[in-house]
N, C-alpha and C. Protein backbone atom coordinates (compact mmCIF):
# COMPACT_ATOMS: atom_id res chain seq x y z
N MET A 1 -9.03 21.59 -7.16
CA MET A 1 -7.75 20.94 -7.33
C MET A 1 -6.73 21.93 -7.85
N ARG A 2 -7.06 23.20 -7.81
CA ARG A 2 -6.16 24.22 -8.31
C ARG A 2 -4.87 24.23 -7.49
N GLY A 3 -3.73 24.28 -8.15
CA GLY A 3 -2.45 24.32 -7.47
C GLY A 3 -1.90 22.93 -7.16
N LYS A 4 -2.69 21.91 -7.38
CA LYS A 4 -2.22 20.54 -7.13
C LYS A 4 -2.23 19.78 -8.44
N THR A 5 -1.19 18.99 -8.65
CA THR A 5 -1.23 18.10 -9.78
C THR A 5 -1.98 16.85 -9.35
N LEU A 6 -2.33 16.01 -10.29
CA LEU A 6 -3.11 14.82 -9.99
C LEU A 6 -2.42 13.94 -8.95
N LYS A 7 -1.10 13.79 -9.06
CA LYS A 7 -0.39 12.92 -8.13
C LYS A 7 -0.29 13.50 -6.72
N HIS A 8 -0.72 14.72 -6.54
CA HIS A 8 -0.72 15.35 -5.21
C HIS A 8 -2.12 15.46 -4.64
N HIS A 9 -3.07 14.84 -5.28
CA HIS A 9 -4.46 14.92 -4.83
C HIS A 9 -4.84 13.61 -4.14
N PRO A 10 -5.42 13.67 -2.94
CA PRO A 10 -5.74 12.44 -2.20
C PRO A 10 -6.70 11.52 -2.93
N THR A 11 -7.62 12.07 -3.73
CA THR A 11 -8.58 11.23 -4.44
C THR A 11 -7.88 10.30 -5.43
N PHE A 12 -6.83 10.77 -6.05
CA PHE A 12 -6.04 9.94 -6.97
C PHE A 12 -5.51 8.72 -6.24
N TRP A 13 -4.90 8.93 -5.07
CA TRP A 13 -4.31 7.83 -4.31
C TRP A 13 -5.37 6.94 -3.70
N LYS A 14 -6.49 7.51 -3.25
CA LYS A 14 -7.59 6.69 -2.72
C LYS A 14 -8.14 5.78 -3.81
N SER A 15 -8.26 6.30 -5.02
CA SER A 15 -8.78 5.50 -6.13
C SER A 15 -7.86 4.31 -6.44
N ILE A 16 -6.58 4.56 -6.46
CA ILE A 16 -5.64 3.46 -6.71
C ILE A 16 -5.67 2.46 -5.56
N PHE A 17 -5.82 2.96 -4.33
CA PHE A 17 -5.93 2.06 -3.18
C PHE A 17 -7.17 1.18 -3.29
N VAL A 18 -8.28 1.73 -3.75
CA VAL A 18 -9.50 0.94 -3.93
C VAL A 18 -9.26 -0.17 -4.96
N VAL A 19 -8.57 0.14 -6.03
CA VAL A 19 -8.22 -0.88 -7.03
C VAL A 19 -7.35 -1.96 -6.38
N TRP A 20 -6.39 -1.55 -5.56
CA TRP A 20 -5.53 -2.50 -4.82
C TRP A 20 -6.40 -3.41 -3.95
N PHE A 21 -7.37 -2.83 -3.24
CA PHE A 21 -8.24 -3.59 -2.35
C PHE A 21 -9.11 -4.57 -3.12
N ILE A 22 -9.66 -4.14 -4.25
CA ILE A 22 -10.47 -5.04 -5.08
C ILE A 22 -9.62 -6.20 -5.59
N ALA A 23 -8.41 -5.91 -6.03
CA ALA A 23 -7.50 -6.97 -6.50
C ALA A 23 -7.17 -7.94 -5.36
N LEU A 24 -7.00 -7.43 -4.15
CA LEU A 24 -6.74 -8.29 -2.99
C LEU A 24 -7.88 -9.28 -2.80
N ASN A 25 -9.11 -8.79 -2.90
CA ASN A 25 -10.26 -9.67 -2.74
C ASN A 25 -10.35 -10.71 -3.85
N LEU A 26 -10.04 -10.32 -5.06
CA LEU A 26 -10.05 -11.29 -6.16
C LEU A 26 -8.96 -12.35 -5.96
N LEU A 27 -7.79 -11.92 -5.52
CA LEU A 27 -6.70 -12.87 -5.28
C LEU A 27 -7.02 -13.82 -4.12
N SER A 28 -7.83 -13.38 -3.19
CA SER A 28 -8.17 -14.20 -2.02
C SER A 28 -9.18 -15.30 -2.33
N HIS A 29 -9.82 -15.24 -3.48
CA HIS A 29 -10.86 -16.21 -3.80
C HIS A 29 -10.33 -17.60 -4.17
N GLY A 30 -9.08 -17.74 -4.47
CA GLY A 30 -8.59 -19.06 -4.83
C GLY A 30 -7.14 -19.04 -5.20
N ASP A 31 -6.63 -20.20 -5.57
CA ASP A 31 -5.21 -20.30 -5.88
C ASP A 31 -4.95 -20.24 -7.38
N LYS A 32 -5.90 -19.77 -8.15
CA LYS A 32 -5.76 -19.68 -9.60
C LYS A 32 -4.57 -18.81 -10.00
N PHE A 33 -4.34 -17.72 -9.25
CA PHE A 33 -3.30 -16.76 -9.62
C PHE A 33 -1.94 -17.07 -9.02
N HIS A 34 -1.90 -17.77 -7.92
CA HIS A 34 -0.62 -18.02 -7.26
C HIS A 34 -0.65 -19.35 -6.51
N PRO A 35 -0.31 -20.44 -7.20
CA PRO A 35 -0.25 -21.72 -6.51
C PRO A 35 0.72 -21.65 -5.33
N SER A 36 0.35 -22.26 -4.24
CA SER A 36 1.12 -22.18 -3.00
C SER A 36 2.54 -22.68 -3.16
N GLY A 37 3.49 -21.90 -2.69
CA GLY A 37 4.88 -22.32 -2.62
C GLY A 37 5.64 -22.31 -3.93
N THR A 38 5.10 -21.74 -4.98
CA THR A 38 5.82 -21.75 -6.25
C THR A 38 6.30 -20.35 -6.60
N PHE A 39 7.32 -20.33 -7.40
CA PHE A 39 7.90 -19.08 -7.87
C PHE A 39 8.02 -19.20 -9.38
N PHE A 40 7.29 -18.41 -10.10
CA PHE A 40 7.24 -18.49 -11.56
C PHE A 40 6.83 -19.87 -12.05
N PHE A 41 6.09 -20.58 -11.24
CA PHE A 41 5.55 -21.89 -11.57
C PHE A 41 6.61 -22.93 -11.92
N PHE A 42 7.87 -22.66 -11.61
CA PHE A 42 8.94 -23.61 -11.91
C PHE A 42 9.58 -24.18 -10.66
N PHE A 43 9.89 -23.32 -9.73
CA PHE A 43 10.65 -23.72 -8.55
C PHE A 43 9.76 -23.75 -7.32
N GLU A 44 9.93 -24.78 -6.53
CA GLU A 44 9.20 -24.89 -5.27
C GLU A 44 10.02 -24.17 -4.19
N ILE A 45 9.44 -23.13 -3.62
CA ILE A 45 10.11 -22.36 -2.57
C ILE A 45 9.19 -22.36 -1.36
N PRO A 46 9.60 -23.03 -0.29
CA PRO A 46 8.74 -23.07 0.89
C PRO A 46 8.49 -21.67 1.46
N HIS A 47 7.27 -21.42 1.81
CA HIS A 47 6.84 -20.17 2.46
C HIS A 47 7.02 -18.94 1.57
N PHE A 48 7.12 -19.13 0.27
CA PHE A 48 7.26 -17.98 -0.62
C PHE A 48 6.01 -17.09 -0.58
N ASP A 49 4.89 -17.68 -0.19
CA ASP A 49 3.67 -16.88 -0.09
C ASP A 49 3.81 -15.75 0.91
N LYS A 50 4.68 -15.91 1.91
CA LYS A 50 4.90 -14.83 2.89
C LYS A 50 5.55 -13.63 2.20
N VAL A 51 6.46 -13.90 1.27
CA VAL A 51 7.11 -12.82 0.51
C VAL A 51 6.06 -12.10 -0.34
N LEU A 52 5.15 -12.88 -0.94
CA LEU A 52 4.09 -12.28 -1.75
C LEU A 52 3.17 -11.41 -0.89
N HIS A 53 2.81 -11.91 0.29
CA HIS A 53 1.98 -11.12 1.20
C HIS A 53 2.69 -9.82 1.57
N LEU A 54 3.94 -9.91 1.97
CA LEU A 54 4.71 -8.73 2.36
C LEU A 54 4.78 -7.74 1.20
N GLY A 55 5.08 -8.21 0.02
CA GLY A 55 5.20 -7.33 -1.14
C GLY A 55 3.89 -6.66 -1.51
N TYR A 56 2.80 -7.43 -1.48
CA TYR A 56 1.51 -6.86 -1.85
C TYR A 56 1.07 -5.80 -0.85
N PHE A 57 1.24 -6.08 0.42
CA PHE A 57 0.85 -5.10 1.44
C PHE A 57 1.84 -3.94 1.53
N PHE A 58 3.06 -4.14 1.08
CA PHE A 58 4.02 -3.03 0.95
C PHE A 58 3.44 -2.00 -0.03
N GLY A 59 2.96 -2.49 -1.16
CA GLY A 59 2.34 -1.60 -2.14
C GLY A 59 1.10 -0.91 -1.59
N GLY A 60 0.25 -1.67 -0.91
CA GLY A 60 -0.94 -1.09 -0.30
C GLY A 60 -0.61 -0.06 0.76
N GLY A 61 0.45 -0.33 1.52
CA GLY A 61 0.88 0.62 2.55
C GLY A 61 1.34 1.93 1.94
N GLY A 62 2.06 1.86 0.85
CA GLY A 62 2.51 3.08 0.16
C GLY A 62 1.34 3.87 -0.40
N LEU A 63 0.37 3.16 -0.99
CA LEU A 63 -0.80 3.84 -1.56
C LEU A 63 -1.65 4.51 -0.49
N LEU A 64 -1.90 3.79 0.59
CA LEU A 64 -2.71 4.36 1.67
C LEU A 64 -1.98 5.51 2.35
N ALA A 65 -0.67 5.37 2.52
CA ALA A 65 0.12 6.46 3.12
C ALA A 65 0.03 7.72 2.25
N ALA A 66 0.10 7.56 0.94
CA ALA A 66 -0.01 8.72 0.05
C ALA A 66 -1.39 9.36 0.17
N ALA A 67 -2.43 8.55 0.19
CA ALA A 67 -3.79 9.10 0.30
C ALA A 67 -3.97 9.87 1.61
N LEU A 68 -3.49 9.31 2.70
CA LEU A 68 -3.63 9.98 3.99
C LEU A 68 -2.74 11.21 4.09
N HIS A 69 -1.55 11.12 3.54
CA HIS A 69 -0.62 12.26 3.59
C HIS A 69 -1.19 13.46 2.83
N TYR A 70 -1.67 13.23 1.62
CA TYR A 70 -2.16 14.35 0.82
C TYR A 70 -3.53 14.83 1.29
N ARG A 71 -4.21 14.05 2.12
CA ARG A 71 -5.49 14.49 2.67
C ARG A 71 -5.29 15.40 3.87
N SER A 72 -4.42 14.98 4.82
CA SER A 72 -4.33 15.75 6.06
C SER A 72 -2.91 16.00 6.55
N ASP A 73 -1.91 15.49 5.87
CA ASP A 73 -0.50 15.68 6.22
C ASP A 73 -0.22 15.38 7.70
N PRO A 74 -0.50 14.14 8.15
CA PRO A 74 -0.21 13.80 9.56
C PRO A 74 1.29 13.67 9.79
N SER A 75 1.68 13.64 11.05
CA SER A 75 3.09 13.43 11.37
C SER A 75 3.50 12.03 10.89
N ARG A 76 4.80 11.81 10.71
CA ARG A 76 5.29 10.51 10.24
C ARG A 76 4.86 9.39 11.18
N LYS A 77 4.97 9.63 12.48
CA LYS A 77 4.61 8.61 13.47
C LYS A 77 3.13 8.26 13.35
N ARG A 78 2.30 9.28 13.24
CA ARG A 78 0.85 9.05 13.12
C ARG A 78 0.51 8.35 11.81
N LEU A 79 1.16 8.75 10.73
CA LEU A 79 0.93 8.12 9.42
C LEU A 79 1.29 6.64 9.47
N LEU A 80 2.45 6.32 10.02
CA LEU A 80 2.88 4.92 10.11
C LEU A 80 1.90 4.12 10.95
N LEU A 81 1.44 4.69 12.06
CA LEU A 81 0.51 3.99 12.94
C LEU A 81 -0.83 3.75 12.25
N MET A 82 -1.37 4.78 11.61
CA MET A 82 -2.67 4.65 10.94
C MET A 82 -2.62 3.61 9.83
N VAL A 83 -1.62 3.71 8.96
CA VAL A 83 -1.51 2.78 7.84
C VAL A 83 -1.32 1.35 8.33
N THR A 84 -0.44 1.17 9.31
CA THR A 84 -0.16 -0.17 9.81
C THR A 84 -1.41 -0.78 10.45
N LEU A 85 -2.12 -0.01 11.26
CA LEU A 85 -3.32 -0.54 11.91
C LEU A 85 -4.44 -0.84 10.90
N ILE A 86 -4.66 0.05 9.97
CA ILE A 86 -5.73 -0.16 8.97
C ILE A 86 -5.43 -1.39 8.13
N LEU A 87 -4.21 -1.48 7.60
CA LEU A 87 -3.89 -2.61 6.73
C LEU A 87 -3.70 -3.90 7.50
N SER A 88 -3.30 -3.82 8.76
CA SER A 88 -3.23 -5.02 9.59
C SER A 88 -4.64 -5.58 9.78
N GLY A 89 -5.60 -4.68 10.00
CA GLY A 89 -7.00 -5.10 10.11
C GLY A 89 -7.51 -5.72 8.81
N ILE A 90 -7.15 -5.10 7.68
CA ILE A 90 -7.53 -5.66 6.38
C ILE A 90 -6.89 -7.03 6.20
N GLY A 91 -5.65 -7.19 6.67
CA GLY A 91 -4.97 -8.48 6.57
C GLY A 91 -5.68 -9.56 7.38
N ILE A 92 -6.15 -9.21 8.57
CA ILE A 92 -6.90 -10.17 9.39
C ILE A 92 -8.19 -10.57 8.68
N ILE A 93 -8.91 -9.60 8.16
CA ILE A 93 -10.16 -9.88 7.44
C ILE A 93 -9.88 -10.72 6.20
N ASP A 94 -8.79 -10.42 5.50
CA ASP A 94 -8.42 -11.19 4.31
C ASP A 94 -8.12 -12.64 4.66
N GLU A 95 -7.40 -12.86 5.75
CA GLU A 95 -7.10 -14.23 6.18
C GLU A 95 -8.39 -14.99 6.52
N TYR A 96 -9.30 -14.34 7.20
CA TYR A 96 -10.59 -14.96 7.53
C TYR A 96 -11.36 -15.25 6.25
N HIS A 97 -11.37 -14.29 5.33
CA HIS A 97 -12.05 -14.43 4.04
C HIS A 97 -11.52 -15.64 3.27
N GLN A 98 -10.22 -15.84 3.30
CA GLN A 98 -9.61 -16.96 2.56
C GLN A 98 -10.05 -18.32 3.11
N SER A 99 -10.41 -18.37 4.38
CA SER A 99 -10.77 -19.65 4.98
C SER A 99 -12.06 -20.24 4.41
N PHE A 100 -12.82 -19.46 3.64
CA PHE A 100 -14.07 -19.94 3.07
C PHE A 100 -13.90 -20.51 1.66
N PHE A 101 -12.69 -20.50 1.12
CA PHE A 101 -12.50 -20.92 -0.26
C PHE A 101 -11.66 -22.18 -0.34
N LYS A 102 -12.06 -23.03 -1.27
CA LYS A 102 -11.36 -24.29 -1.51
C LYS A 102 -9.91 -24.00 -1.94
N ASN A 103 -9.01 -24.82 -1.50
CA ASN A 103 -7.58 -24.72 -1.83
C ASN A 103 -6.91 -23.47 -1.26
N ARG A 104 -7.53 -22.83 -0.29
CA ARG A 104 -6.90 -21.70 0.38
C ARG A 104 -6.77 -22.03 1.85
N THR A 105 -5.69 -21.60 2.43
CA THR A 105 -5.50 -21.79 3.87
C THR A 105 -5.63 -20.41 4.52
N GLY A 106 -6.74 -20.16 5.11
CA GLY A 106 -6.97 -18.89 5.78
C GLY A 106 -6.52 -18.95 7.23
N ASN A 107 -6.59 -17.82 7.88
CA ASN A 107 -6.27 -17.70 9.31
C ASN A 107 -4.83 -18.10 9.64
N ASP A 108 -3.91 -17.80 8.74
CA ASP A 108 -2.49 -18.07 8.97
C ASP A 108 -1.88 -16.84 9.64
N PRO A 109 -1.45 -16.96 10.91
CA PRO A 109 -0.90 -15.79 11.61
C PRO A 109 0.38 -15.26 10.97
N PHE A 110 1.13 -16.11 10.28
CA PHE A 110 2.36 -15.64 9.64
C PHE A 110 2.06 -14.86 8.36
N ASP A 111 0.98 -15.21 7.67
CA ASP A 111 0.54 -14.39 6.53
C ASP A 111 0.11 -13.01 7.03
N TRP A 112 -0.63 -13.00 8.14
CA TRP A 112 -1.07 -11.72 8.71
C TRP A 112 0.14 -10.88 9.17
N LEU A 113 1.14 -11.54 9.75
CA LEU A 113 2.35 -10.82 10.16
C LEU A 113 3.06 -10.23 8.95
N ALA A 114 3.14 -11.00 7.88
CA ALA A 114 3.76 -10.49 6.65
C ALA A 114 2.96 -9.31 6.10
N ASP A 115 1.62 -9.39 6.16
CA ASP A 115 0.77 -8.27 5.72
C ASP A 115 1.07 -7.02 6.54
N THR A 116 1.14 -7.19 7.85
CA THR A 116 1.36 -6.06 8.75
C THR A 116 2.73 -5.43 8.53
N LEU A 117 3.76 -6.27 8.41
CA LEU A 117 5.11 -5.75 8.16
C LEU A 117 5.20 -5.06 6.81
N GLY A 118 4.57 -5.64 5.80
CA GLY A 118 4.56 -5.02 4.48
C GLY A 118 3.91 -3.66 4.51
N ALA A 119 2.78 -3.54 5.23
CA ALA A 119 2.08 -2.26 5.34
C ALA A 119 2.96 -1.23 6.03
N PHE A 120 3.61 -1.63 7.12
CA PHE A 120 4.48 -0.71 7.85
C PHE A 120 5.63 -0.22 6.96
N PHE A 121 6.30 -1.15 6.29
CA PHE A 121 7.45 -0.76 5.48
C PHE A 121 7.03 0.03 4.23
N GLY A 122 5.86 -0.27 3.68
CA GLY A 122 5.36 0.53 2.55
C GLY A 122 5.10 1.97 2.97
N ALA A 123 4.48 2.13 4.13
CA ALA A 123 4.22 3.49 4.65
C ALA A 123 5.53 4.19 5.01
N LEU A 124 6.47 3.45 5.56
CA LEU A 124 7.76 4.03 5.93
C LEU A 124 8.52 4.52 4.70
N VAL A 125 8.57 3.71 3.66
CA VAL A 125 9.26 4.12 2.44
C VAL A 125 8.58 5.35 1.83
N PHE A 126 7.24 5.36 1.83
CA PHE A 126 6.55 6.55 1.32
C PHE A 126 6.91 7.77 2.15
N SER A 127 6.85 7.63 3.48
CA SER A 127 7.08 8.80 4.34
C SER A 127 8.51 9.32 4.22
N LEU A 128 9.44 8.44 3.89
CA LEU A 128 10.83 8.88 3.74
C LEU A 128 11.11 9.45 2.35
N SER A 129 10.28 9.11 1.36
CA SER A 129 10.58 9.52 -0.01
C SER A 129 9.52 10.40 -0.65
N HIS A 130 8.46 10.76 0.05
CA HIS A 130 7.37 11.51 -0.58
C HIS A 130 7.79 12.89 -1.06
N ARG A 131 8.84 13.43 -0.54
CA ARG A 131 9.27 14.77 -0.99
C ARG A 131 9.60 14.79 -2.48
N ARG A 132 9.96 13.65 -3.02
CA ARG A 132 10.22 13.58 -4.47
C ARG A 132 8.94 13.77 -5.27
N LEU A 133 7.79 13.52 -4.65
CA LEU A 133 6.52 13.69 -5.33
C LEU A 133 6.00 15.12 -5.25
N LEU A 134 6.58 15.92 -4.35
CA LEU A 134 6.11 17.28 -4.17
C LEU A 134 6.44 18.13 -5.40
N PRO A 135 5.58 19.06 -5.71
CA PRO A 135 5.84 19.90 -6.87
C PRO A 135 7.04 20.82 -6.62
N THR A 136 7.75 21.11 -7.68
CA THR A 136 8.84 22.06 -7.55
C THR A 136 8.26 23.46 -7.52
N ARG A 137 8.95 24.34 -6.85
CA ARG A 137 8.45 25.71 -6.72
C ARG A 137 8.63 26.44 -8.05
N VAL A 138 7.54 26.98 -8.52
CA VAL A 138 7.54 27.68 -9.79
C VAL A 138 7.34 29.15 -9.52
N ILE A 139 8.19 29.97 -10.13
CA ILE A 139 8.05 31.42 -10.00
C ILE A 139 7.20 31.90 -11.16
N SER A 140 6.14 32.60 -10.82
CA SER A 140 5.23 33.11 -11.83
C SER A 140 5.93 34.17 -12.67
N PRO A 141 5.62 34.24 -13.96
CA PRO A 141 6.23 35.28 -14.81
C PRO A 141 5.86 36.68 -14.34
N LYS A 142 4.76 36.81 -13.59
CA LYS A 142 4.34 38.12 -13.11
C LYS A 142 5.10 38.54 -11.85
N THR A 143 5.83 37.60 -11.24
CA THR A 143 6.56 37.92 -10.03
C THR A 143 7.74 38.81 -10.38
N GLU A 144 7.83 39.91 -9.67
CA GLU A 144 8.91 40.83 -9.94
C GLU A 144 10.01 40.57 -8.93
N ILE A 145 11.20 40.36 -9.41
CA ILE A 145 12.33 40.11 -8.56
C ILE A 145 13.15 41.39 -8.48
N THR A 146 13.28 41.89 -7.27
CA THR A 146 14.06 43.12 -7.08
C THR A 146 15.22 42.84 -6.17
N SER A 147 16.28 43.55 -6.36
CA SER A 147 17.44 43.40 -5.45
C SER A 147 17.33 44.47 -4.40
N GLY A 148 17.72 44.10 -3.21
CA GLY A 148 17.49 44.95 -2.08
C GLY A 148 18.48 45.95 -1.83
């Protein structure tokens, strides 16, 4: 890991993505954490769960994009495609998984669409802003600067 800070190492981002994935599975087990259609448990907002799906997969898309970027530095187009396809697949599996639990409505194509869009936009935002995460160029004290 010499020359890389922790935030520039793919293992760091993969680890956080694994935590994201575990949390997704825990959230899919029931409605304990997010009763359907509510916002802060006060206001009834129809289809608010789609916003939650989009937001959660936005975060996952950014994390996976960072892990893939720091592992192999793919082109932006390839990165967006990989992240979107992987997380879209996870979204389909998550929807199927939810269908086995009481008080959950699984297999909702609009939840899956929100997951897919969230993943795409999370990867897009990362790909457009990752340069801020890059290390600044440091000149070693041993470097001799001469004028030509």
